[in-house]
Amino acid sequence: MSTLLEVQGISKTYGNTAVLRNLSFTASGGAITTIISADYKKLTALLELLSLSSDPDIGDILLNGSSLLRIKAKERRKLKLKIQELNPHQRINAHSQETCTEFLKKIIQTIPDSIQPTNSNKLISNAITLCSVSQSLLHQPLCSLSKADKEQLLLVSCLLVSPALLLVNSLAYEYSESFYEALHKLRQGLDIPILFITQTLPKQLRTSSTYLENHTLQDSLPMQ
């Protein structure tokens, strides 16, 4: 596996409070890297930086060897849309009356540089196969889905837009057992970094590298 994501010495200050200090780590494609901290504010700040919602005070974030912080504004907006943060509540609840197919087709049509909507049926079919989702799910309205079905549908949506980086936010949501099974299967078919951001390591998560940090989020070390 090659290293596709590099976080290089990033620090972030809000007001007079240094939330992140000199944080560095790498994440490889086709692997799950777990970032753990008991401090919710630190992990939230990291999520904002990785999703391009804010910039660090110092340091850089490289994806496939290119700085995410130095690319042109137009291209950065496109990339930001392709960096998907899983949120089983907000994204699906906002479109609860749509069928799963309608929801997925809308995602394809609104993502810059995605394939043409005329190919959407085949693309959706391939994606749900890779994510081990039943074809019968596609005709159901979002409001009727179980928790596990919603989670799998969001994995499909991330795959559809060929994300360069998959961020799984576990700070305020507890995923089901089937979600972890689907995530591990998806990892085997994708050569992108998968970051799992959490305060507590789930026992169901078979992570390739786990990063622990001290109270200042300095000198992150992988758990062997």
C-alpha atoms as a PDB file:
ATOM      1  CA  MET A   1       0.000   0.000   0.000  1.00  0.00           C
ATOM      2  CA  SER A   2       1.256   3.475  -0.838  1.00  0.00           C
ATOM      3  CA  THR A   3       0.910   6.519   1.391  1.00  0.00           C
ATOM      4  CA  LEU A   4      -1.705   8.773  -0.172  1.00  0.00           C
ATOM      5  CA  LEU A   5      -2.421  11.207   2.665  1.00  0.00           C
ATOM      6  CA  GLU A   6       0.234  13.099   4.612  1.00  0.00           C
ATOM      7  CA  VAL A   7      -0.546  15.487   7.460  1.00  0.00           C
ATOM      8  CA  GLN A   8       2.601  17.515   8.071  1.00  0.00           C
ATOM      9  CA  GLY A   9       3.052  19.418  11.316  1.00  0.00           C
ATOM     10  CA  ILE A  10      -0.339  21.117  11.401  1.00  0.00           C
ATOM     11  CA  SER A  11      -1.356  23.447  14.230  1.00  0.00           C
ATOM     12  CA  LYS A  12      -4.693  25.171  14.741  1.00  0.00           C
ATOM     13  CA  THR A  13      -5.586  27.952  17.168  1.00  0.00           C
ATOM     14  CA  TYR A  14      -9.061  29.250  17.989  1.00  0.00           C
ATOM     15  CA  GLY A  15      -8.859  32.594  19.769  1.00  0.00           C
ATOM     16  CA  ASN A  16      -6.147  32.166  22.387  1.00  0.00           C
ATOM     17  CA  THR A  17      -6.521  28.388  22.582  1.00  0.00           C
ATOM     18  CA  ALA A  18      -4.124  26.098  20.714  1.00  0.00           C
ATOM     19  CA  VAL A  19      -6.324  23.143  19.780  1.00  0.00           C
ATOM     20  CA  LEU A  20      -3.880  21.239  17.553  1.00  0.00           C
ATOM     21  CA  ARG A  21      -0.104  21.459  17.884  1.00  0.00           C
ATOM     22  CA  ASN A  22       2.400  20.049  15.417  1.00  0.00           C
ATOM     23  CA  LEU A  23       0.264  17.063  14.412  1.00  0.00           C
ATOM     24  CA  SER A  24       1.733  14.731  11.778  1.00  0.00           C
ATOM     25  CA  PHE A  25       0.616  11.345  10.462  1.00  0.00           C
ATOM     26  CA  THR A  26       0.214   9.405   7.234  1.00  0.00           C
ATOM     27  CA  ALA A  27      -2.587   7.240   5.854  1.00  0.00           C
ATOM     28  CA  SER A  28      -2.295   4.637   3.101  1.00  0.00           C
ATOM     29  CA  GLY A  29      -4.703   3.710   0.354  1.00  0.00           C
ATOM     30  CA  GLY A  30      -6.793   0.614   0.959  1.00  0.00           C
ATOM     31  CA  ALA A  31      -6.354   0.924   4.726  1.00  0.00           C
ATOM     32  CA  ILE A  32      -8.345   2.234   7.676  1.00  0.00           C
ATOM     33  CA  THR A  33      -6.450   4.650   9.904  1.00  0.00           C
ATOM     34  CA  THR A  34      -8.097   5.456  13.221  1.00  0.00           C
ATOM     35  CA  ILE A  35      -7.502   8.778  14.970  1.00  0.00           C
ATOM     36  CA  ILE A  36      -8.416   8.663  18.675  1.00  0.00           C
ATOM     37  CA  SER A  37      -8.613  11.445  21.230  1.00  0.00           C
ATOM     38  CA  ALA A  38     -10.669  11.974  24.365  1.00  0.00           C
ATOM     39  CA  ASP A  39     -10.872  15.661  23.454  1.00  0.00           C
ATOM     40  CA  TYR A  40     -13.887  16.330  21.211  1.00  0.00           C
ATOM     41  CA  LYS A  41     -12.615  19.794  20.217  1.00  0.00           C
ATOM     42  CA  LYS A  42      -9.327  18.439  18.908  1.00  0.00           C
ATOM     43  CA  LEU A  43     -11.006  15.828  16.739  1.00  0.00           C
ATOM     44  CA  THR A  44     -13.578  18.326  15.457  1.00  0.00           C
ATOM     45  CA  ALA A  45     -10.782  20.700  14.477  1.00  0.00           C
ATOM     46  CA  LEU A  46      -9.012  17.884  12.635  1.00  0.00           C
ATOM     47  CA  LEU A  47     -12.195  16.982  10.768  1.00  0.00           C
ATOM     48  CA  GLU A  48     -12.613  20.595   9.663  1.00  0.00           C
ATOM     49  CA  LEU A  49      -9.049  20.688   8.339  1.00  0.00           C
ATOM     50  CA  LEU A  50      -9.309  17.379   6.498  1.00  0.00           C
ATOM     51  CA  SER A  51     -12.640  18.321   4.905  1.00  0.00           C
ATOM     52  CA  LEU A  52     -11.157  21.680   3.781  1.00  0.00           C
ATOM     53  CA  SER A  53     -13.636  23.639   5.896  1.00  0.00           C
ATOM     54  CA  SER A  54     -10.740  25.537   7.495  1.00  0.00           C
ATOM     55  CA  ASP A  55      -6.969  25.952   7.116  1.00  0.00           C
ATOM     56  CA  PRO A  56      -4.263  25.225   9.684  1.00  0.00           C
ATOM     57  CA  ASP A  57      -2.176  28.052  11.132  1.00  0.00           C
ATOM     58  CA  ILE A  58       0.953  26.215  10.007  1.00  0.00           C
ATOM     59  CA  GLY A  59       1.667  22.896   8.341  1.00  0.00           C
ATOM     60  CA  ASP A  60       0.323  21.227   5.240  1.00  0.00           C
ATOM     61  CA  ILE A  61      -1.958  18.398   4.096  1.00  0.00           C
ATOM     62  CA  LEU A  62      -0.838  16.419   1.047  1.00  0.00           C
ATOM     63  CA  LEU A  63      -3.071  14.115  -0.967  1.00  0.00           C
ATOM     64  CA  ASN A  64      -1.353  12.048  -3.656  1.00  0.00           C
ATOM     65  CA  GLY A  65       1.691  14.290  -3.263  1.00  0.00           C
ATOM     66  CA  SER A  66      -0.185  17.558  -3.853  1.00  0.00           C
ATOM     67  CA  SER A  67      -0.956  20.172  -1.225  1.00  0.00           C
ATOM     68  CA  LEU A  68      -4.677  20.570  -0.558  1.00  0.00           C
ATOM     69  CA  LEU A  69      -4.011  24.043   0.805  1.00  0.00           C
ATOM     70  CA  ARG A  70      -2.253  25.445  -2.253  1.00  0.00           C
ATOM     71  CA  ILE A  71      -4.507  24.390  -5.098  1.00  0.00           C
ATOM     72  CA  LYS A  72      -6.648  26.956  -6.893  1.00  0.00           C
ATOM     73  CA  ALA A  73      -9.891  27.965  -5.195  1.00  0.00           C
ATOM     74  CA  LYS A  74     -12.083  26.511  -7.971  1.00  0.00           C
ATOM     75  CA  GLU A  75     -10.395  23.125  -7.856  1.00  0.00           C
ATOM     76  CA  ARG A  76     -10.436  23.150  -4.073  1.00  0.00           C
ATOM     77  CA  ARG A  77     -14.231  23.583  -4.071  1.00  0.00           C
ATOM     78  CA  LYS A  78     -14.574  20.587  -6.372  1.00  0.00           C
ATOM     79  CA  LEU A  79     -12.278  18.478  -4.220  1.00  0.00           C
ATOM     80  CA  LYS A  80     -14.126  19.510  -1.079  1.00  0.00           C
ATOM     81  CA  LEU A  81     -17.313  18.042  -2.528  1.00  0.00           C
ATOM     82  CA  LYS A  82     -15.508  14.793  -3.260  1.00  0.00           C
ATOM     83  CA  ILE A  83     -14.206  14.403   0.273  1.00  0.00           C
ATOM     84  CA  GLN A  84     -17.196  12.745   1.843  1.00  0.00           C
ATOM     85  CA  GLU A  85     -17.847  12.786   5.560  1.00  0.00           C
ATOM     86  CA  LEU A  86     -20.356  10.098   6.500  1.00  0.00           C
ATOM     87  CA  ASN A  87     -23.336  11.480   8.401  1.00  0.00           C
ATOM     88  CA  PRO A  88     -26.275   9.039   8.528  1.00  0.00           C
ATOM     89  CA  HIS A  89     -28.632  11.715   9.869  1.00  0.00           C
ATOM     90  CA  GLN A  90     -28.246  14.966   7.966  1.00  0.00           C
ATOM     91  CA  ARG A  91     -27.734  13.801   4.381  1.00  0.00           C
ATOM     92  CA  ILE A  92     -30.545  11.251   4.280  1.00  0.00           C
ATOM     93  CA  ASN A  93     -33.045  13.053   6.526  1.00  0.00           C
ATOM     94  CA  ALA A  94     -32.864  16.072   4.246  1.00  0.00           C
ATOM     95  CA  HIS A  95     -34.253  13.947   1.392  1.00  0.00           C
ATOM     96  CA  SER A  96     -36.387  11.470   3.325  1.00  0.00           C
ATOM     97  CA  GLN A  97     -39.236  11.238   0.765  1.00  0.00           C
ATOM     98  CA  GLU A  98     -37.011  10.233  -2.141  1.00  0.00           C
ATOM     99  CA  THR A  99     -36.327   6.651  -3.128  1.00  0.00           C
ATOM    100  CA  CYS A 100     -32.786   5.377  -2.758  1.00  0.00           C
ATOM    101  CA  THR A 101     -32.299   5.499  -6.527  1.00  0.00           C
ATOM    102  CA  GLU A 102     -33.466   9.114  -6.709  1.00  0.00           C
ATOM    103  CA  PHE A 103     -31.138  10.031  -3.861  1.00  0.00           C
ATOM    104  CA  LEU A 104     -28.122   8.395  -5.515  1.00  0.00           C
ATOM    105  CA  LYS A 105     -28.849   9.851  -8.959  1.00  0.00           C
ATOM    106  CA  LYS A 106     -29.071  13.336  -7.466  1.00  0.00           C
ATOM    107  CA  ILE A 107     -25.647  12.837  -5.913  1.00  0.00           C
ATOM    108  CA  ILE A 108     -24.174  11.853  -9.276  1.00  0.00           C
ATOM    109  CA  GLN A 109     -25.692  14.871 -11.039  1.00  0.00           C
ATOM    110  CA  THR A 110     -24.504  17.435  -8.502  1.00  0.00           C
ATOM    111  CA  ILE A 111     -20.883  16.339  -8.126  1.00  0.00           C
ATOM    112  CA  PRO A 112     -18.505  18.203 -10.485  1.00  0.00           C
ATOM    113  CA  ASP A 113     -16.625  16.081 -13.010  1.00  0.00           C
ATOM    114  CA  SER A 114     -18.684  12.953 -12.317  1.00  0.00           C
ATOM    115  CA  ILE A 115     -19.816  10.741 -15.172  1.00  0.00           C
ATOM    116  CA  GLN A 116     -22.877  11.694 -17.187  1.00  0.00           C
ATOM    117  CA  PRO A 117     -26.305  10.935 -15.616  1.00  0.00           C
ATOM    118  CA  THR A 118     -27.178   8.719 -18.610  1.00  0.00           C
ATOM    119  CA  ASN A 119     -24.789   6.129 -17.172  1.00  0.00           C
ATOM    120  CA  SER A 120     -26.100   6.442 -13.634  1.00  0.00           C
ATOM    121  CA  ASN A 121     -28.073   3.164 -13.512  1.00  0.00           C
ATOM    122  CA  LYS A 122     -25.026   1.058 -14.342  1.00  0.00           C
ATOM    123  CA  LEU A 123     -22.844   3.077 -11.995  1.00  0.00           C
ATOM    124  CA  ILE A 124     -25.302   2.642  -9.116  1.00  0.00           C
ATOM    125  CA  SER A 125     -25.614  -1.086  -9.796  1.00  0.00           C
ATOM    126  CA  ASN A 126     -21.843  -1.557  -9.682  1.00  0.00           C
ATOM    127  CA  ALA A 127     -21.519   0.510  -6.511  1.00  0.00           C
ATOM    128  CA  ILE A 128     -24.167  -1.357  -4.540  1.00  0.00           C
ATOM    129  CA  THR A 129     -22.622  -4.666  -5.576  1.00  0.00           C
ATOM    130  CA  LEU A 130     -19.235  -3.582  -4.263  1.00  0.00           C
ATOM    131  CA  CYS A 131     -20.857  -2.380  -1.020  1.00  0.00           C
ATOM    132  CA  SER A 132     -22.895  -5.612  -0.688  1.00  0.00           C
ATOM    133  CA  VAL A 133     -26.221  -3.767  -0.760  1.00  0.00           C
ATOM    134  CA  SER A 134     -29.390  -5.507  -1.952  1.00  0.00           C
ATOM    135  CA  GLN A 135     -30.869  -4.353  -5.284  1.00  0.00           C
ATOM    136  CA  SER A 136     -34.310  -4.315  -3.662  1.00  0.00           C
ATOM    137  CA  LEU A 137     -33.170  -1.450  -1.458  1.00  0.00           C
ATOM    138  CA  LEU A 138     -33.047   0.923  -4.427  1.00  0.00           C
ATOM    139  CA  HIS A 139     -36.841   1.172  -4.761  1.00  0.00           C
ATOM    140  CA  GLN A 140     -37.512   1.956  -1.117  1.00  0.00           C
ATOM    141  CA  PRO A 141     -38.065   5.512   0.164  1.00  0.00           C
ATOM    142  CA  LEU A 142     -35.340   6.829   2.434  1.00  0.00           C
ATOM    143  CA  CYS A 143     -37.799   7.338   5.286  1.00  0.00           C
ATOM    144  CA  SER A 144     -38.467   3.576   5.451  1.00  0.00           C
ATOM    145  CA  LEU A 145     -34.847   2.467   5.743  1.00  0.00           C
ATOM    146  CA  SER A 146     -33.384   0.870   8.831  1.00  0.00           C
ATOM    147  CA  LYS A 147     -30.316   2.330  10.512  1.00  0.00           C
ATOM    148  CA  ALA A 148     -28.055  -0.262   8.888  1.00  0.00           C
ATOM    149  CA  ASP A 149     -29.555   0.351   5.421  1.00  0.00           C
ATOM    150  CA  LYS A 150     -28.981   4.112   5.742  1.00  0.00           C
ATOM    151  CA  GLU A 151     -25.359   3.563   6.652  1.00  0.00           C
ATOM    152  CA  GLN A 152     -24.776   1.247   3.701  1.00  0.00           C
ATOM    153  CA  LEU A 153     -26.512   3.671   1.341  1.00  0.00           C
ATOM    154  CA  LEU A 154     -24.128   6.426   2.404  1.00  0.00           C
ATOM    155  CA  LEU A 155     -21.153   4.176   1.708  1.00  0.00           C
ATOM    156  CA  VAL A 156     -22.578   3.698  -1.788  1.00  0.00           C
ATOM    157  CA  SER A 157     -22.939   7.465  -2.228  1.00  0.00           C
ATOM    158  CA  CYS A 158     -19.285   7.990  -1.302  1.00  0.00           C
ATOM    159  CA  LEU A 159     -18.200   5.358  -3.785  1.00  0.00           C
ATOM    160  CA  LEU A 160     -20.281   6.903  -6.571  1.00  0.00           C
ATOM    161  CA  VAL A 161     -18.341  10.142  -6.556  1.00  0.00           C
ATOM    162  CA  SER A 162     -14.955   8.375  -6.387  1.00  0.00           C
ATOM    163  CA  PRO A 163     -13.799  10.195  -3.263  1.00  0.00           C
ATOM    164  CA  ALA A 164     -10.110  10.817  -2.838  1.00  0.00           C
ATOM    165  CA  LEU A 165     -10.459  10.510   0.919  1.00  0.00           C
ATOM    166  CA  LEU A 166     -13.150   8.900   3.061  1.00  0.00           C
ATOM    167  CA  LEU A 167     -13.731  10.484   6.472  1.00  0.00           C
ATOM    168  CA  VAL A 168     -15.863   8.524   8.902  1.00  0.00           C
ATOM    169  CA  ASN A 169     -17.030  10.752  11.764  1.00  0.00           C
ATOM    170  CA  SER A 170     -17.831   8.684  14.845  1.00  0.00           C
ATOM    171  CA  LEU A 171     -17.892  11.524  17.364  1.00  0.00           C
ATOM    172  CA  ALA A 172     -21.651  11.772  17.866  1.00  0.00           C
ATOM    173  CA  TYR A 173     -22.958   8.617  16.238  1.00  0.00           C
ATOM    174  CA  GLU A 174     -22.692   4.906  17.030  1.00  0.00           C
ATOM    175  CA  TYR A 175     -22.576   2.765  13.898  1.00  0.00           C
ATOM    176  CA  SER A 176     -24.195  -0.639  13.599  1.00  0.00           C
ATOM    177  CA  GLU A 177     -22.379  -3.974  13.292  1.00  0.00           C
ATOM    178  CA  SER A 178     -23.281  -4.243   9.602  1.00  0.00           C
ATOM    179  CA  PHE A 179     -21.705  -0.843   8.903  1.00  0.00           C
ATOM    180  CA  TYR A 180     -18.280  -2.094   9.950  1.00  0.00           C
ATOM    181  CA  GLU A 181     -18.686  -5.193   7.799  1.00  0.00           C
ATOM    182  CA  ALA A 182     -19.580  -3.032   4.800  1.00  0.00           C
ATOM    183  CA  LEU A 183     -16.719  -0.624   5.513  1.00  0.00           C
ATOM    184  CA  HIS A 184     -14.150  -3.433   5.589  1.00  0.00           C
ATOM    185  CA  LYS A 185     -15.468  -4.876   2.326  1.00  0.00           C
ATOM    186  CA  LEU A 186     -15.342  -1.438   0.733  1.00  0.00           C
ATOM    187  CA  ARG A 187     -11.786  -0.940   1.932  1.00  0.00           C
ATOM    188  CA  GLN A 188     -10.692  -4.039   0.053  1.00  0.00           C
ATOM    189  CA  GLY A 189     -12.052  -2.647  -3.227  1.00  0.00           C
ATOM    190  CA  LEU A 190     -10.800   0.949  -2.938  1.00  0.00           C
ATOM    191  CA  ASP A 191      -7.266   2.333  -3.020  1.00  0.00           C
ATOM    192  CA  ILE A 192      -8.026   5.470  -1.006  1.00  0.00           C
ATOM    193  CA  PRO A 193      -7.247   6.444   2.591  1.00  0.00           C
ATOM    194  CA  ILE A 194     -10.081   5.839   5.063  1.00  0.00           C
ATOM    195  CA  LEU A 195      -9.887   7.850   8.292  1.00  0.00           C
ATOM    196  CA  PHE A 196     -12.032   6.849  11.248  1.00  0.00           C
ATOM    197  CA  ILE A 197     -12.297   9.740  13.722  1.00  0.00           C
ATOM    198  CA  THR A 198     -13.439   8.644  17.167  1.00  0.00           C
ATOM    199  CA  GLN A 199     -13.107   9.124  20.916  1.00  0.00           C
ATOM    200  CA  THR A 200     -13.316   5.373  21.577  1.00  0.00           C
ATOM    201  CA  LEU A 201     -12.013   2.575  19.369  1.00  0.00           C
ATOM    202  CA  PRO A 202     -14.918   0.285  18.366  1.00  0.00           C
ATOM    203  CA  LYS A 203     -14.201  -3.394  18.887  1.00  0.00           C
ATOM    204  CA  GLN A 204     -15.670  -4.158  15.448  1.00  0.00           C
ATOM    205  CA  LEU A 205     -13.120  -1.970  13.656  1.00  0.00           C
ATOM    206  CA  ARG A 206     -10.172  -3.882  12.231  1.00  0.00           C
ATOM    207  CA  THR A 207      -7.887  -0.923  11.698  1.00  0.00           C
ATOM    208  CA  SER A 208      -4.540  -1.116   9.951  1.00  0.00           C
ATOM    209  CA  SER A 209      -3.019   1.705  11.979  1.00  0.00           C
ATOM    210  CA  THR A 210      -4.286   3.340  15.128  1.00  0.00           C
ATOM    211  CA  TYR A 211      -2.855   6.685  16.139  1.00  0.00           C
ATOM    212  CA  LEU A 212      -2.795   7.634  19.767  1.00  0.00           C
ATOM    213  CA  GLU A 213      -1.894  11.102  20.975  1.00  0.00           C
ATOM    214  CA  ASN A 214      -1.039  12.876  24.169  1.00  0.00           C
ATOM    215  CA  HIS A 215      -3.000  15.787  25.587  1.00  0.00           C
ATOM    216  CA  THR A 216      -1.503  18.270  23.122  1.00  0.00           C
ATOM    217  CA  LEU A 217      -1.899  16.041  20.073  1.00  0.00           C
ATOM    218  CA  GLN A 218       1.835  16.060  19.518  1.00  0.00           C
ATOM    219  CA  ASP A 219       4.093  13.220  18.477  1.00  0.00           C
ATOM    220  CA  SER A 220       1.360  10.850  17.281  1.00  0.00           C
ATOM    221  CA  LEU A 221       2.520   7.269  17.336  1.00  0.00           C
ATOM    222  CA  PRO A 222       1.015   4.212  15.623  1.00  0.00           C
ATOM    223  CA  MET A 223      -0.184   1.382  17.835  1.00  0.00           C
ATOM    224  CA  GLN A 224       1.559  -1.842  16.882  1.00  0.00           C
END
